[in-house]
C-alpha atoms as a PDB file:
ATOM      1  CA  UNK A   1      29.222 147.659 -14.532  1.00  0.00           C
ATOM      2  CA  UNK A   2      26.149 149.556 -15.411  1.00  0.00           C
ATOM      3  CA  UNK A   3      23.505 150.228 -12.798  1.00  0.00           C
ATOM      4  CA  UNK A   4      19.911 149.889 -13.913  1.00  0.00           C
ATOM      5  CA  UNK A   5      17.719 152.561 -11.967  1.00  0.00           C
ATOM      6  CA  UNK A   6      13.963 152.008 -11.572  1.00  0.00           C
ATOM      7  CA  UNK A   7      14.289 148.146 -11.032  1.00  0.00           C
ATOM      8  CA  UNK A   8      13.712 146.812  -7.813  1.00  0.00           C
ATOM      9  CA  UNK A   9      15.380 143.422  -6.523  1.00  0.00           C
ATOM     10  CA  UNK A  10      12.020 142.297  -4.984  1.00  0.00           C
ATOM     11  CA  UNK A  11      10.140 142.233  -8.241  1.00  0.00           C
ATOM     12  CA  UNK A  12      10.332 138.625  -8.591  1.00  0.00           C
ATOM     13  CA  UNK A  13       9.463 137.637  -5.110  1.00  0.00           C
ATOM     14  CA  UNK A  14       5.649 136.340  -4.350  1.00  0.00           C
ATOM     15  CA  UNK A  15       3.503 138.484  -2.612  1.00  0.00           C
ATOM     16  CA  UNK A  16       2.417 135.800  -0.100  1.00  0.00           C
ATOM     17  CA  UNK A  17       5.788 135.406   1.554  1.00  0.00           C
ATOM     18  CA  UNK A  18       5.270 138.304   4.133  1.00  0.00           C
ATOM     19  CA  UNK A  19       2.133 136.579   5.336  1.00  0.00           C
ATOM     20  CA  UNK A  20       4.116 133.646   6.132  1.00  0.00           C
ATOM     21  CA  UNK A  21       6.726 135.712   8.270  1.00  0.00           C
ATOM     22  CA  UNK A  22       3.886 137.354  10.277  1.00  0.00           C
ATOM     23  CA  UNK A  23       2.038 133.986  10.984  1.00  0.00           C
ATOM     24  CA  UNK A  24       5.348 132.695  12.231  1.00  0.00           C
ATOM     25  CA  UNK A  25       6.132 135.623  14.369  1.00  0.00           C
ATOM     26  CA  UNK A  26       2.553 135.382  16.113  1.00  0.00           C
ATOM     27  CA  UNK A  27       3.041 131.761  16.747  1.00  0.00           C
ATOM     28  CA  UNK A  28       6.502 132.329  18.366  1.00  0.00           C
ATOM     29  CA  UNK A  29       4.644 135.381  20.476  1.00  0.00           C
ATOM     30  CA  UNK A  30       2.110 132.974  21.524  1.00  0.00           C
ATOM     31  CA  UNK A  31       4.385 129.955  22.373  1.00  0.00           C
ATOM     32  CA  UNK A  32       6.758 132.308  24.609  1.00  0.00           C
ATOM     33  CA  UNK A  33       3.731 133.923  26.375  1.00  0.00           C
ATOM     34  CA  UNK A  34       2.253 130.549  27.190  1.00  0.00           C
ATOM     35  CA  UNK A  35       5.376 128.418  28.099  1.00  0.00           C
ATOM     36  CA  UNK A  36       7.351 131.276  29.310  1.00  0.00           C
ATOM     37  CA  UNK A  37       5.147 131.614  32.163  1.00  0.00           C
ATOM     38  CA  UNK A  38       5.719 128.277  33.214  1.00  0.00           C
ATOM     39  CA  UNK A  39       9.509 128.263  32.619  1.00  0.00           C
ATOM     40  CA  UNK A  40      10.936 131.710  33.353  1.00  0.00           C
ATOM     41  CA  UNK A  41       8.653 133.528  35.973  1.00  0.00           C
ATOM     42  CA  UNK A  42       9.539 130.905  38.773  1.00  0.00           C
ATOM     43  CA  UNK A  43       8.470 132.176  42.194  1.00  0.00           C
ATOM     44  CA  UNK A  44      10.157 130.745  45.148  1.00  0.00           C
ATOM     45  CA  UNK A  45       8.170 129.985  48.350  1.00  0.00           C
ATOM     46  CA  UNK A  46       9.460 131.034  51.552  1.00  0.00           C
ATOM     47  CA  UNK A  47      10.368 128.746  54.212  1.00  0.00           C
ATOM     48  CA  UNK A  48       8.037 128.516  57.105  1.00  0.00           C
ATOM     49  CA  UNK A  49       9.359 130.499  60.128  1.00  0.00           C
ATOM     50  CA  UNK A  50       7.354 128.544  62.631  1.00  0.00           C
ATOM     51  CA  UNK A  51       9.661 125.051  62.861  1.00  0.00           C
ATOM     52  CA  UNK A  52      10.845 124.417  66.105  1.00  0.00           C
ATOM     53  CA  UNK A  53      13.909 122.198  66.261  1.00  0.00           C
ATOM     54  CA  UNK A  54      15.895 120.683  69.083  1.00  0.00           C
ATOM     55  CA  UNK A  55      19.593 120.649  69.659  1.00  0.00           C
ATOM     56  CA  UNK A  56      21.084 117.371  70.653  1.00  0.00           C
ATOM     57  CA  UNK A  57      21.611 119.046  74.141  1.00  0.00           C
ATOM     58  CA  UNK A  58      17.707 119.548  74.327  1.00  0.00           C
ATOM     59  CA  UNK A  59      17.488 123.254  73.571  1.00  0.00           C
ATOM     60  CA  UNK A  60      14.879 124.564  71.084  1.00  0.00           C
ATOM     61  CA  UNK A  61      15.893 126.585  68.048  1.00  0.00           C
ATOM     62  CA  UNK A  62      13.729 128.143  65.420  1.00  0.00           C
ATOM     63  CA  UNK A  63      14.554 127.477  61.744  1.00  0.00           C
ATOM     64  CA  UNK A  64      15.420 130.852  60.188  1.00  0.00           C
ATOM     65  CA  UNK A  65      17.939 132.089  57.251  1.00  0.00           C
ATOM     66  CA  UNK A  66      21.008 133.854  57.775  1.00  0.00           C
ATOM     67  CA  UNK A  67      21.718 136.886  55.875  1.00  0.00           C
ATOM     68  CA  UNK A  68      24.335 136.893  53.085  1.00  0.00           C
ATOM     69  CA  UNK A  69      24.349 132.847  53.404  1.00  0.00           C
ATOM     70  CA  UNK A  70      22.971 130.152  51.700  1.00  0.00           C
ATOM     71  CA  UNK A  71      21.441 127.347  53.894  1.00  0.00           C
ATOM     72  CA  UNK A  72      21.732 123.835  52.721  1.00  0.00           C
ATOM     73  CA  UNK A  73      18.813 122.303  54.711  1.00  0.00           C
ATOM     74  CA  UNK A  74      19.126 118.348  54.629  1.00  0.00           C
ATOM     75  CA  UNK A  75      16.338 116.271  55.897  1.00  0.00           C
ATOM     76  CA  UNK A  76      17.759 112.798  56.755  1.00  0.00           C
ATOM     77  CA  UNK A  77      16.809 109.791  59.192  1.00  0.00           C
ATOM     78  CA  UNK A  78      18.894 107.653  61.401  1.00  0.00           C
ATOM     79  CA  UNK A  79      19.502 104.236  60.149  1.00  0.00           C
ATOM     80  CA  UNK A  80      19.205 105.055  56.648  1.00  0.00           C
ATOM     81  CA  UNK A  81      22.126 104.119  54.286  1.00  0.00           C
ATOM     82  CA  UNK A  82      21.653 106.749  51.560  1.00  0.00           C
ATOM     83  CA  UNK A  83      21.235 109.505  54.409  1.00  0.00           C
ATOM     84  CA  UNK A  84      24.567 108.258  55.951  1.00  0.00           C
ATOM     85  CA  UNK A  85      26.180 108.694  52.613  1.00  0.00           C
ATOM     86  CA  UNK A  86      24.731 112.042  52.124  1.00  0.00           C
ATOM     87  CA  UNK A  87      25.899 113.009  55.559  1.00  0.00           C
ATOM     88  CA  UNK A  88      29.643 112.024  54.662  1.00  0.00           C
ATOM     89  CA  UNK A  89      29.202 114.176  51.633  1.00  0.00           C
ATOM     90  CA  UNK A  90      27.981 117.169  53.626  1.00  0.00           C
ATOM     91  CA  UNK A  91      31.087 116.972  55.731  1.00  0.00           C
ATOM     92  CA  UNK A  92      33.136 117.313  52.625  1.00  0.00           C
ATOM     93  CA  UNK A  93      31.314 120.533  51.559  1.00  0.00           C
ATOM     94  CA  UNK A  94      33.703 123.483  52.133  1.00  0.00           C
ATOM     95  CA  UNK A  95      32.026 126.955  51.182  1.00  0.00           C
ATOM     96  CA  UNK A  96      32.313 130.073  53.131  1.00  0.00           C
ATOM     97  CA  UNK A  97      28.782 131.282  51.926  1.00  0.00           C
ATOM     98  CA  UNK A  98      26.794 128.307  52.499  1.00  0.00           C
ATOM     99  CA  UNK A  99      26.060 126.573  55.850  1.00  0.00           C
ATOM    100  CA  UNK A 100      24.772 123.125  56.180  1.00  0.00           C
ATOM    101  CA  UNK A 101      21.716 122.230  58.451  1.00  0.00           C
ATOM    102  CA  UNK A 102      21.052 118.803  59.128  1.00  0.00           C
ATOM    103  CA  UNK A 103      17.505 117.855  60.563  1.00  0.00           C
ATOM    104  CA  UNK A 104      16.700 114.233  61.551  1.00  0.00           C
ATOM    105  CA  UNK A 105      13.067 113.477  60.912  1.00  0.00           C
ATOM    106  CA  UNK A 106      12.697 110.843  63.211  1.00  0.00           C
ATOM    107  CA  UNK A 107      13.272 112.875  66.397  1.00  0.00           C
ATOM    108  CA  UNK A 108      16.621 111.504  67.449  1.00  0.00           C
ATOM    109  CA  UNK A 109      20.244 112.490  66.452  1.00  0.00           C
ATOM    110  CA  UNK A 110      22.850 109.803  66.466  1.00  0.00           C
ATOM    111  CA  UNK A 111      25.888 110.097  68.577  1.00  0.00           C
ATOM    112  CA  UNK A 112      28.009 109.606  65.493  1.00  0.00           C
ATOM    113  CA  UNK A 113      26.568 112.833  63.573  1.00  0.00           C
ATOM    114  CA  UNK A 114      27.318 115.183  66.381  1.00  0.00           C
ATOM    115  CA  UNK A 115      30.492 116.367  65.105  1.00  0.00           C
ATOM    116  CA  UNK A 116      28.580 118.374  62.479  1.00  0.00           C
ATOM    117  CA  UNK A 117      28.351 122.148  63.195  1.00  0.00           C
ATOM    118  CA  UNK A 118      24.285 122.361  62.954  1.00  0.00           C
ATOM    119  CA  UNK A 119      22.615 119.104  63.598  1.00  0.00           C
ATOM    120  CA  UNK A 120      18.693 119.195  65.000  1.00  0.00           C
ATOM    121  CA  UNK A 121      16.076 116.760  65.526  1.00  0.00           C
ATOM    122  CA  UNK A 122      12.371 117.397  64.819  1.00  0.00           C
ATOM    123  CA  UNK A 123       9.782 117.221  67.922  1.00  0.00           C
ATOM    124  CA  UNK A 124       7.735 114.072  67.502  1.00  0.00           C
ATOM    125  CA  UNK A 125       4.651 116.007  67.545  1.00  0.00           C
ATOM    126  CA  UNK A 126       5.719 118.245  64.866  1.00  0.00           C
ATOM    127  CA  UNK A 127       7.092 115.614  62.463  1.00  0.00           C
ATOM    128  CA  UNK A 128       4.180 115.233  60.300  1.00  0.00           C
ATOM    129  CA  UNK A 129       3.303 118.823  60.008  1.00  0.00           C
ATOM    130  CA  UNK A 130       6.928 119.768  59.006  1.00  0.00           C
ATOM    131  CA  UNK A 131       7.107 116.921  56.629  1.00  0.00           C
ATOM    132  CA  UNK A 132       3.804 118.000  54.863  1.00  0.00           C
ATOM    133  CA  UNK A 133       5.076 121.677  54.942  1.00  0.00           C
ATOM    134  CA  UNK A 134       8.209 121.086  53.201  1.00  0.00           C
ATOM    135  CA  UNK A 135       6.897 118.502  51.034  1.00  0.00           C
ATOM    136  CA  UNK A 136       9.472 115.671  52.141  1.00  0.00           C
ATOM    137  CA  UNK A 137       8.413 112.508  50.461  1.00  0.00           C
ATOM    138  CA  UNK A 138      11.612 110.553  51.035  1.00  0.00           C
ATOM    139  CA  UNK A 139      14.843 110.898  52.651  1.00  0.00           C
ATOM    140  CA  UNK A 140      17.500 112.275  52.199  1.00  0.00           C
ATOM    141  CA  UNK A 141      15.851 115.470  50.894  1.00  0.00           C
ATOM    142  CA  UNK A 142      18.123 118.810  50.351  1.00  0.00           C
ATOM    143  CA  UNK A 143      16.632 122.256  50.211  1.00  0.00           C
ATOM    144  CA  UNK A 144      18.811 125.144  49.028  1.00  0.00           C
ATOM    145  CA  UNK A 145      17.566 128.339  50.821  1.00  0.00           C
ATOM    146  CA  UNK A 146      18.962 131.901  49.966  1.00  0.00           C
ATOM    147  CA  UNK A 147      19.615 134.525  52.578  1.00  0.00           C
ATOM    148  CA  UNK A 148      16.064 135.944  52.448  1.00  0.00           C
ATOM    149  CA  UNK A 149      14.456 132.763  53.255  1.00  0.00           C
ATOM    150  CA  UNK A 150      13.455 131.570  49.896  1.00  0.00           C
ATOM    151  CA  UNK A 151      13.812 128.101  48.820  1.00  0.00           C
ATOM    152  CA  UNK A 152      15.579 128.000  45.817  1.00  0.00           C
ATOM    153  CA  UNK A 153      15.908 124.333  45.142  1.00  0.00           C
ATOM    154  CA  UNK A 154      14.649 120.778  46.179  1.00  0.00           C
ATOM    155  CA  UNK A 155      16.787 117.824  45.643  1.00  0.00           C
ATOM    156  CA  UNK A 156      15.552 114.288  46.631  1.00  0.00           C
ATOM    157  CA  UNK A 157      17.908 111.536  47.054  1.00  0.00           C
ATOM    158  CA  UNK A 158      21.612 111.085  47.274  1.00  0.00           C
ATOM    159  CA  UNK A 159      23.757 113.881  45.796  1.00  0.00           C
ATOM    160  CA  UNK A 160      27.509 114.095  45.707  1.00  0.00           C
ATOM    161  CA  UNK A 161      29.062 117.023  47.267  1.00  0.00           C
ATOM    162  CA  UNK A 162      30.655 118.132  43.960  1.00  0.00           C
ATOM    163  CA  UNK A 163      27.206 118.304  42.480  1.00  0.00           C
ATOM    164  CA  UNK A 164      25.802 120.153  45.211  1.00  0.00           C
ATOM    165  CA  UNK A 165      28.638 122.624  45.090  1.00  0.00           C
ATOM    166  CA  UNK A 166      27.758 123.132  41.214  1.00  0.00           C
ATOM    167  CA  UNK A 167      24.192 123.534  42.009  1.00  0.00           C
ATOM    168  CA  UNK A 168      25.081 126.433  44.757  1.00  0.00           C
ATOM    169  CA  UNK A 169      27.551 128.208  42.655  1.00  0.00           C
ATOM    170  CA  UNK A 170      24.938 128.204  39.780  1.00  0.00           C
ATOM    171  CA  UNK A 171      22.306 129.534  42.096  1.00  0.00           C
ATOM    172  CA  UNK A 172      24.878 132.116  43.447  1.00  0.00           C
ATOM    173  CA  UNK A 173      25.985 133.272  39.952  1.00  0.00           C
ATOM    174  CA  UNK A 174      23.363 133.270  37.928  1.00  0.00           C
ATOM    175  CA  UNK A 175      20.186 133.283  40.238  1.00  0.00           C
ATOM    176  CA  UNK A 176      18.779 129.867  39.057  1.00  0.00           C
END
């Protein structure tokens, strides 16, 4: 095969095609700058450290995270069927790096849920403030909080233990 020198393979190309690529790149840069701030740069709010909870014994405990552990904070109410189903799923949760914390928003802890490791109730005077601070609109509401005290995920409604474990593993592994 004989080579021809002096000819360029781009000789038959139109001159305006490079402007199309440049325009496409500018649109892509704008898109990612505009929507990337909404999608990628998620800032996680810290939990309020002034939330006082009472144990079934009547002791006062402040809500604070534990280092190197994820906290699964569950707001429930007594006499609520989805809340009872959620508490049964929380009992099934068996992870060494996550601790479930159950908070009854109506101020009383039913006797059938005293078997859970960390069960608390809100003081009646603090119910409105805590519910508004956390943004609890319905129960059950689950918050996944990392070891530094940042709320990583808020889940409203019933969630199976396997789905909750999947959320926790994804947050631990990928930081999402």
